[in-house]
C-alpha cells in the first residue's frame, strides 16, 4: 500500500467509511453462508476486498494486490478493535467522546416492596 500524503490518507478514510456504511452490510448479508462455513474468516476477505476497492477509488492511495489488502485489513481490524475497547462503557454501549456530562441527577421517590 502506498499513500502520497496526508490528504490521500484522509480521502481513503472517507471512502472506506462510506463503503463500510453502505456496501459492507449488503455484502455481509449476501455472503452469510460463506461466513458461517468459514467460521468468520470470510469477513477478513470481504474487508480486504473493500480496502482494495477503496484504494482504487481514493486518489493518491494505491493497494498493490490482494495480499497487501488482506494484511492491511487485518491491521485496520486490530486497530479498530483496540480503539473500540477504549470507548466502550462497562455495559457494552459506546460513548461519544465529545459529550460527557458530569452532572449528577437526583431522583426523588420511594421504594415499593
Protein backbone atom coordinates (compact mmCIF):
# COMPACT_ATOMS: atom_id res chain seq x y z
CA UNK A 1 0.00 0.00 0.00
CA UNK A 2 1.21 3.46 -0.84
CA UNK A 3 -0.12 6.84 0.14
CA UNK A 4 1.04 10.05 -1.48
CA UNK A 5 0.34 12.23 1.53
CA UNK A 6 -1.93 13.10 4.39
CA UNK A 7 -4.68 14.23 2.03
CA UNK A 8 -4.79 10.84 0.33
CA UNK A 9 -4.98 9.12 3.72
CA UNK A 10 -7.91 11.30 4.69
CA UNK A 11 -9.55 10.62 1.34
CA UNK A 12 -9.20 6.85 1.70
CA UNK A 13 -10.52 7.06 5.27
CA UNK A 14 -13.60 8.89 4.00
CA UNK A 15 -14.10 6.49 1.08
CA UNK A 16 -13.59 3.45 3.33
CA UNK A 17 -16.07 4.85 5.84
CA UNK A 18 -18.70 5.35 3.15
CA UNK A 19 -18.08 1.88 1.72
CA UNK A 20 -18.28 0.31 5.18
CA UNK A 21 -21.51 2.16 5.91
CA UNK A 22 -23.38 1.32 2.71
CA UNK A 23 -21.77 -1.56 0.81
CA UNK A 24 -20.39 -3.76 3.62
CA UNK A 25 -23.75 -4.58 5.30
CA UNK A 26 -25.20 -5.75 1.97
CA UNK A 27 -22.13 -7.88 1.25
CA UNK A 28 -22.23 -9.37 4.74
CA UNK A 29 -25.83 -10.46 4.29
CA UNK A 30 -25.20 -11.85 0.80
CA UNK A 31 -22.11 -13.77 1.92
CA UNK A 32 -23.57 -15.09 5.18
CA UNK A 33 -23.31 -18.76 4.10
CA UNK A 34 -19.59 -18.33 3.36
CA UNK A 35 -19.08 -16.57 6.66
CA UNK A 36 -20.78 -19.38 8.57
CA UNK A 37 -18.88 -22.15 6.76
CA UNK A 38 -15.51 -20.46 7.28
CA UNK A 39 -16.34 -19.53 10.90
CA UNK A 40 -15.98 -15.81 10.20
CA UNK A 41 -12.73 -15.94 8.24
CA UNK A 42 -14.53 -14.73 5.10
CA UNK A 43 -15.16 -11.39 6.84
CA UNK A 44 -11.42 -10.71 6.57
CA UNK A 45 -11.60 -11.49 2.86
CA UNK A 46 -14.51 -9.05 2.49
CA UNK A 47 -12.61 -6.39 4.44
CA UNK A 48 -9.61 -6.90 2.16
CA UNK A 49 -11.74 -6.56 -0.95
CA UNK A 50 -13.35 -3.39 0.40
CA UNK A 51 -9.93 -1.92 1.25
CA UNK A 52 -8.77 -2.79 -2.24
CA UNK A 53 -11.88 -1.10 -3.67
CA UNK A 54 -11.24 1.99 -1.55
CA UNK A 55 -7.69 2.06 -2.90
CA UNK A 56 -8.97 2.16 -6.45
CA UNK A 57 -11.49 4.93 -5.72
CA UNK A 58 -9.45 7.23 -3.47
CA UNK A 59 -6.92 9.41 -5.28
CA UNK A 60 -3.32 9.04 -4.19
CA UNK A 61 -3.77 5.73 -2.35
CA UNK A 62 -2.75 2.51 -4.08
CA UNK A 63 -3.10 -1.08 -2.92
CA UNK A 64 -0.67 -3.28 -4.83
CA UNK A 65 -2.55 -6.58 -4.61
CA UNK A 66 -4.99 -8.74 -2.71
CA UNK A 67 -2.49 -9.95 -0.11
CA UNK A 68 -1.42 -6.40 0.71
CA UNK A 69 -5.09 -5.52 1.09
CA UNK A 70 -5.62 -8.63 3.23
CA UNK A 71 -2.83 -7.77 5.68
CA UNK A 72 -3.90 -4.12 5.64
CA UNK A 73 -7.44 -5.20 6.51
CA UNK A 74 -6.08 -7.22 9.43
CA UNK A 75 -4.23 -4.16 10.71
CA UNK A 76 -7.31 -1.94 10.28
CA UNK A 77 -9.44 -4.52 12.12
CA UNK A 78 -6.98 -4.79 15.02
CA UNK A 79 -6.70 -1.03 15.41
CA UNK A 80 -10.48 -0.68 15.29
CA UNK A 81 -10.88 -3.42 17.90
CA UNK A 82 -8.33 -1.83 20.26
CA UNK A 83 -9.84 1.64 19.90
CA UNK A 84 -13.38 0.36 20.46
CA UNK A 85 -12.22 -1.19 23.74
CA UNK A 86 -11.23 2.27 24.99
CA UNK A 87 -14.52 3.94 24.07
CA UNK A 88 -16.97 1.31 25.29
CA UNK A 89 -18.74 1.51 28.63
CA UNK A 90 -18.89 -1.43 31.01
CA UNK A 91 -22.46 -2.15 29.84
CA UNK A 92 -21.29 -2.58 26.23
CA UNK A 93 -22.67 0.74 24.98
CA UNK A 94 -20.39 3.06 23.06
CA UNK A 95 -19.90 6.54 24.43
CA UNK A 96 -19.36 9.64 22.39
CA UNK A 97 -16.05 11.26 23.24
CA UNK A 98 -17.23 14.86 22.94
CA UNK A 99 -20.33 14.73 25.12
CA UNK A 100 -19.51 13.79 28.67
CA UNK A 101 -21.98 15.10 31.17
CA UNK A 102 -20.64 15.43 34.67
CA UNK A 103 -23.97 16.44 36.16
CA UNK A 104 -25.43 14.19 38.81
CA UNK A 105 -29.18 13.91 38.69
CA UNK A 106 -31.05 13.21 41.90
CA UNK A 107 -34.26 11.28 41.76
CA UNK A 108 -36.88 11.51 44.45
CA UNK A 109 -39.21 8.69 45.14
CA UNK A 110 -39.96 5.84 47.42
CA UNK A 111 -39.18 2.18 47.23
CA UNK A 112 -42.18 -0.10 46.93
CA UNK A 113 -41.73 -3.55 48.47
